[in-house]
Amino acid sequence: MADGAEHPVLGSQGPEIIDSSDAEADVADGSGDVPIRNRPRRKATEKPTGPDALRQSFSKRKKGISAKAYQLHQLTDAKVALFVVNDKGSSWAYATP
């Protein structure tokens, strides 16, 4: 396409050229030098306090670990058994057939 000619779809803007060697392209908000894909997971800044918050946190973690046990069974066809006990002594069990 000659200089000054319009692109048939984009008009006078033309296609945008992205430089893949630009290091800032991988940085989310420019706040750090670490690219997004190399950043570690964010850690919780506060621990849950109070009986309701602790119970909710325990329930979420229990649900998450049982989901992971099920995924492990599905992916590898392994027999998985999970036994969870809370601080008051209540227990839950999960096992694959």
N, C-alpha and C. Protein backbone atom coordinates (compact mmCIF):
# COMPACT_ATOMS: atom_id res chain seq x y z
N MET A 1 0.85 -1.16 0.00
CA MET A 1 0.00 0.00 0.00
C MET A 1 0.90 1.23 0.00
N ALA A 2 0.61 2.18 -0.80
CA ALA A 2 1.43 3.38 -0.93
C ALA A 2 1.20 4.30 0.26
N ASP A 3 2.21 5.13 0.57
CA ASP A 3 2.06 6.09 1.66
C ASP A 3 0.93 7.06 1.35
N GLY A 4 0.13 7.37 2.36
CA GLY A 4 -0.96 8.32 2.20
C GLY A 4 -2.25 7.67 1.74
N ALA A 5 -2.20 6.43 1.26
CA ALA A 5 -3.42 5.76 0.81
C ALA A 5 -4.17 5.22 2.03
N GLU A 6 -5.49 5.23 1.96
CA GLU A 6 -6.29 4.76 3.07
C GLU A 6 -6.47 3.25 3.01
N HIS A 7 -6.51 2.65 4.16
CA HIS A 7 -6.78 1.23 4.28
C HIS A 7 -8.25 1.03 3.98
N PRO A 8 -8.62 -0.01 3.21
CA PRO A 8 -10.04 -0.17 2.84
C PRO A 8 -10.98 -0.38 4.02
N VAL A 9 -10.52 -0.98 5.11
CA VAL A 9 -11.40 -1.24 6.25
C VAL A 9 -11.14 -0.25 7.38
N LEU A 10 -9.87 -0.01 7.68
CA LEU A 10 -9.53 0.81 8.83
C LEU A 10 -9.50 2.30 8.51
N GLY A 11 -9.58 2.67 7.28
CA GLY A 11 -9.55 4.08 6.91
C GLY A 11 -8.13 4.61 6.96
N SER A 12 -7.97 5.83 7.44
CA SER A 12 -6.66 6.46 7.43
C SER A 12 -5.78 5.98 8.58
N GLN A 13 -6.36 5.25 9.56
CA GLN A 13 -5.57 4.79 10.70
C GLN A 13 -4.59 3.70 10.31
N GLY A 14 -5.02 2.79 9.47
CA GLY A 14 -4.16 1.69 9.06
C GLY A 14 -3.99 0.68 10.18
N PRO A 15 -3.30 -0.41 9.89
CA PRO A 15 -3.11 -1.42 10.92
C PRO A 15 -2.14 -0.95 11.99
N GLU A 16 -2.43 -1.35 13.22
CA GLU A 16 -1.56 -0.98 14.34
C GLU A 16 -0.43 -1.99 14.43
N ILE A 17 0.79 -1.50 14.53
CA ILE A 17 1.96 -2.36 14.63
C ILE A 17 2.37 -2.41 16.09
N ILE A 18 2.47 -3.64 16.61
CA ILE A 18 2.84 -3.83 18.00
C ILE A 18 4.25 -4.39 18.05
N ASP A 19 5.10 -3.74 18.82
CA ASP A 19 6.48 -4.16 18.96
C ASP A 19 6.55 -5.18 20.09
N SER A 20 6.82 -6.46 19.76
CA SER A 20 6.85 -7.50 20.78
C SER A 20 8.10 -7.44 21.64
N SER A 21 9.10 -6.68 21.23
CA SER A 21 10.32 -6.60 22.03
C SER A 21 10.19 -5.57 23.14
N ASP A 22 9.07 -4.86 23.19
CA ASP A 22 8.86 -3.85 24.22
C ASP A 22 8.60 -4.54 25.55
N ALA A 23 9.45 -4.31 26.54
CA ALA A 23 9.34 -4.98 27.84
C ALA A 23 8.12 -4.51 28.62
N GLU A 24 7.64 -3.31 28.40
CA GLU A 24 6.51 -2.79 29.15
C GLU A 24 5.19 -3.39 28.71
N ALA A 25 5.16 -4.11 27.60
CA ALA A 25 3.92 -4.68 27.12
C ALA A 25 3.40 -5.75 28.07
N ASP A 26 4.28 -6.45 28.80
CA ASP A 26 3.85 -7.50 29.70
C ASP A 26 3.56 -6.99 31.11
N VAL A 27 3.84 -5.76 31.41
CA VAL A 27 3.63 -5.22 32.74
C VAL A 27 2.21 -4.70 32.83
N ALA A 28 1.48 -5.10 33.87
CA ALA A 28 0.06 -4.78 33.98
C ALA A 28 -0.20 -3.28 34.08
N ASP A 29 0.33 -2.65 35.09
CA ASP A 29 0.01 -1.25 35.31
C ASP A 29 1.25 -0.38 35.42
N GLY A 30 2.39 -0.93 35.11
CA GLY A 30 3.61 -0.14 35.17
C GLY A 30 4.12 0.05 36.58
N SER A 31 3.53 -0.62 37.56
CA SER A 31 3.93 -0.42 38.94
C SER A 31 5.19 -1.17 39.30
N GLY A 32 5.58 -2.14 38.50
CA GLY A 32 6.77 -2.92 38.84
C GLY A 32 7.49 -3.40 37.61
N ASP A 33 8.62 -4.00 37.83
CA ASP A 33 9.42 -4.49 36.73
C ASP A 33 9.06 -5.92 36.33
N VAL A 34 8.28 -6.61 37.17
CA VAL A 34 8.00 -8.01 36.96
C VAL A 34 6.82 -8.17 36.01
N PRO A 35 6.98 -8.95 34.93
CA PRO A 35 5.85 -9.20 34.03
C PRO A 35 4.72 -9.94 34.75
N ILE A 36 3.51 -9.83 34.23
CA ILE A 36 2.33 -10.41 34.86
C ILE A 36 2.49 -11.91 35.04
N ARG A 37 2.96 -12.60 34.04
CA ARG A 37 3.02 -14.05 34.10
C ARG A 37 4.07 -14.56 35.08
N ASN A 38 4.96 -13.72 35.56
CA ASN A 38 6.00 -14.15 36.49
C ASN A 38 5.73 -13.70 37.92
N ARG A 39 4.62 -13.04 38.16
CA ARG A 39 4.32 -12.57 39.50
C ARG A 39 3.78 -13.71 40.36
N PRO A 40 4.15 -13.76 41.62
CA PRO A 40 3.59 -14.80 42.50
C PRO A 40 2.15 -14.45 42.87
N ARG A 41 1.45 -15.41 43.44
CA ARG A 41 0.08 -15.16 43.89
C ARG A 41 0.08 -14.14 45.02
N ARG A 42 -1.01 -13.39 45.07
CA ARG A 42 -1.14 -12.43 46.18
C ARG A 42 -1.46 -13.18 47.45
N LYS A 43 -0.88 -12.73 48.54
CA LYS A 43 -1.14 -13.35 49.82
C LYS A 43 -2.18 -12.52 50.58
N ALA A 44 -2.97 -13.20 51.39
CA ALA A 44 -3.96 -12.50 52.20
C ALA A 44 -3.25 -11.62 53.21
N THR A 45 -3.70 -10.39 53.30
CA THR A 45 -3.05 -9.47 54.22
C THR A 45 -3.56 -9.62 55.64
N GLU A 46 -4.79 -10.09 55.78
CA GLU A 46 -5.38 -10.27 57.12
C GLU A 46 -5.91 -11.69 57.25
N LYS A 47 -5.73 -12.24 58.43
CA LYS A 47 -6.31 -13.54 58.71
C LYS A 47 -7.76 -13.34 59.14
N PRO A 48 -8.62 -14.33 58.86
CA PRO A 48 -10.01 -14.19 59.30
C PRO A 48 -10.08 -14.17 60.82
N THR A 49 -10.90 -13.28 61.35
CA THR A 49 -11.08 -13.19 62.79
C THR A 49 -12.54 -13.43 63.12
N GLY A 50 -12.78 -13.95 64.27
CA GLY A 50 -14.16 -14.22 64.68
C GLY A 50 -14.58 -15.61 64.25
N PRO A 51 -15.52 -16.18 64.97
CA PRO A 51 -15.93 -17.56 64.68
C PRO A 51 -16.61 -17.72 63.32
N ASP A 52 -17.40 -16.74 62.91
CA ASP A 52 -18.09 -16.85 61.62
C ASP A 52 -17.11 -16.80 60.46
N ALA A 53 -16.14 -15.89 60.53
CA ALA A 53 -15.16 -15.77 59.46
C ALA A 53 -14.27 -17.01 59.38
N LEU A 54 -13.90 -17.55 60.53
CA LEU A 54 -13.09 -18.77 60.54
C LEU A 54 -13.86 -19.95 59.96
N ARG A 55 -15.13 -20.06 60.32
CA ARG A 55 -15.96 -21.14 59.81
C ARG A 55 -16.12 -21.03 58.30
N GLN A 56 -16.33 -19.81 57.81
CA GLN A 56 -16.48 -19.60 56.38
C GLN A 56 -15.18 -19.93 55.64
N SER A 57 -14.06 -19.51 56.20
CA SER A 57 -12.77 -19.79 55.59
C SER A 57 -12.51 -21.30 55.53
N PHE A 58 -12.82 -21.99 56.63
CA PHE A 58 -12.64 -23.44 56.68
C PHE A 58 -13.52 -24.13 55.63
N SER A 59 -14.75 -23.68 55.52
CA SER A 59 -15.68 -24.29 54.55
C SER A 59 -15.18 -24.11 53.12
N LYS A 60 -14.67 -22.92 52.82
CA LYS A 60 -14.16 -22.67 51.47
C LYS A 60 -12.94 -23.54 51.17
N ARG A 61 -12.05 -23.65 52.13
CA ARG A 61 -10.85 -24.47 51.93
C ARG A 61 -11.22 -25.95 51.82
N LYS A 62 -12.19 -26.40 52.62
CA LYS A 62 -12.63 -27.79 52.56
C LYS A 62 -13.25 -28.09 51.20
N LYS A 63 -14.05 -27.18 50.71
CA LYS A 63 -14.66 -27.37 49.39
C LYS A 63 -13.59 -27.39 48.30
N GLY A 64 -12.59 -26.50 48.42
CA GLY A 64 -11.53 -26.43 47.42
C GLY A 64 -10.67 -27.68 47.39
N ILE A 65 -10.32 -28.20 48.55
CA ILE A 65 -9.46 -29.39 48.57
C ILE A 65 -10.23 -30.63 48.10
N SER A 66 -11.53 -30.70 48.38
CA SER A 66 -12.30 -31.83 47.88
C SER A 66 -12.47 -31.74 46.36
N ALA A 67 -12.58 -30.54 45.83
CA ALA A 67 -12.64 -30.37 44.37
C ALA A 67 -11.33 -30.79 43.73
N LYS A 68 -10.20 -30.45 44.36
CA LYS A 68 -8.90 -30.87 43.83
C LYS A 68 -8.75 -32.39 43.88
N ALA A 69 -9.25 -33.02 44.95
CA ALA A 69 -9.19 -34.48 45.04
C ALA A 69 -10.01 -35.11 43.92
N TYR A 70 -11.17 -34.55 43.63
CA TYR A 70 -12.01 -35.06 42.55
C TYR A 70 -11.31 -34.87 41.20
N GLN A 71 -10.69 -33.69 40.98
CA GLN A 71 -9.97 -33.46 39.74
C GLN A 71 -8.81 -34.44 39.57
N LEU A 72 -8.10 -34.71 40.64
CA LEU A 72 -7.00 -35.68 40.59
C LEU A 72 -7.51 -37.05 40.18
N HIS A 73 -8.65 -37.43 40.73
CA HIS A 73 -9.26 -38.71 40.36
C HIS A 73 -9.64 -38.72 38.88
N GLN A 74 -10.24 -37.64 38.41
CA GLN A 74 -10.67 -37.57 37.01
C GLN A 74 -9.49 -37.60 36.04
N LEU A 75 -8.43 -36.88 36.37
CA LEU A 75 -7.29 -36.77 35.46
C LEU A 75 -6.42 -38.02 35.42
N THR A 76 -6.26 -38.66 36.57
CA THR A 76 -5.32 -39.78 36.63
C THR A 76 -5.99 -41.12 36.87
N ASP A 77 -7.28 -41.13 37.10
CA ASP A 77 -8.04 -42.34 37.41
C ASP A 77 -7.46 -43.03 38.65
N ALA A 78 -6.93 -42.24 39.56
CA ALA A 78 -6.37 -42.76 40.80
C ALA A 78 -7.45 -42.83 41.87
N LYS A 79 -7.26 -43.71 42.81
CA LYS A 79 -8.16 -43.76 43.96
C LYS A 79 -7.69 -42.71 44.95
N VAL A 80 -8.60 -41.83 45.36
CA VAL A 80 -8.26 -40.72 46.24
C VAL A 80 -9.14 -40.78 47.48
N ALA A 81 -8.51 -40.63 48.64
CA ALA A 81 -9.25 -40.56 49.90
C ALA A 81 -8.82 -39.29 50.62
N LEU A 82 -9.80 -38.58 51.17
CA LEU A 82 -9.53 -37.33 51.87
C LEU A 82 -10.28 -37.36 53.20
N PHE A 83 -9.57 -37.03 54.25
CA PHE A 83 -10.16 -36.99 55.58
C PHE A 83 -9.82 -35.65 56.20
N VAL A 84 -10.84 -34.87 56.56
CA VAL A 84 -10.65 -33.52 57.08
C VAL A 84 -11.26 -33.44 58.48
N VAL A 85 -10.49 -32.84 59.39
CA VAL A 85 -10.95 -32.66 60.77
C VAL A 85 -10.77 -31.19 61.13
N ASN A 86 -11.81 -30.57 61.69
CA ASN A 86 -11.67 -29.17 62.11
C ASN A 86 -11.16 -29.10 63.55
N ASP A 87 -11.00 -27.88 64.06
CA ASP A 87 -10.42 -27.70 65.40
C ASP A 87 -11.35 -28.19 66.52
N LYS A 88 -12.64 -28.34 66.23
CA LYS A 88 -13.57 -28.81 67.27
C LYS A 88 -13.73 -30.33 67.25
N GLY A 89 -13.08 -31.00 66.29
CA GLY A 89 -13.14 -32.45 66.24
C GLY A 89 -14.12 -33.01 65.24
N SER A 90 -14.90 -32.17 64.57
CA SER A 90 -15.81 -32.67 63.54
C SER A 90 -14.99 -33.14 62.35
N SER A 91 -15.45 -34.20 61.71
CA SER A 91 -14.68 -34.74 60.60
C SER A 91 -15.55 -34.94 59.37
N TRP A 92 -14.90 -34.90 58.22
CA TRP A 92 -15.53 -35.14 56.93
C TRP A 92 -14.62 -36.06 56.14
N ALA A 93 -15.23 -36.92 55.34
CA ALA A 93 -14.45 -37.86 54.52
C ALA A 93 -14.91 -37.78 53.08
N TYR A 94 -13.96 -37.96 52.17
CA TYR A 94 -14.26 -38.02 50.74
C TYR A 94 -13.40 -39.13 50.16
N ALA A 95 -14.01 -39.98 49.37
CA ALA A 95 -13.26 -41.05 48.72
C ALA A 95 -13.86 -41.31 47.34
N THR A 96 -13.00 -41.64 46.41
CA THR A 96 -13.47 -41.98 45.07
C THR A 96 -13.77 -43.48 45.04
N PRO A 97 -14.69 -43.88 44.19
CA PRO A 97 -15.03 -45.33 44.14
C PRO A 97 -13.91 -46.17 43.57
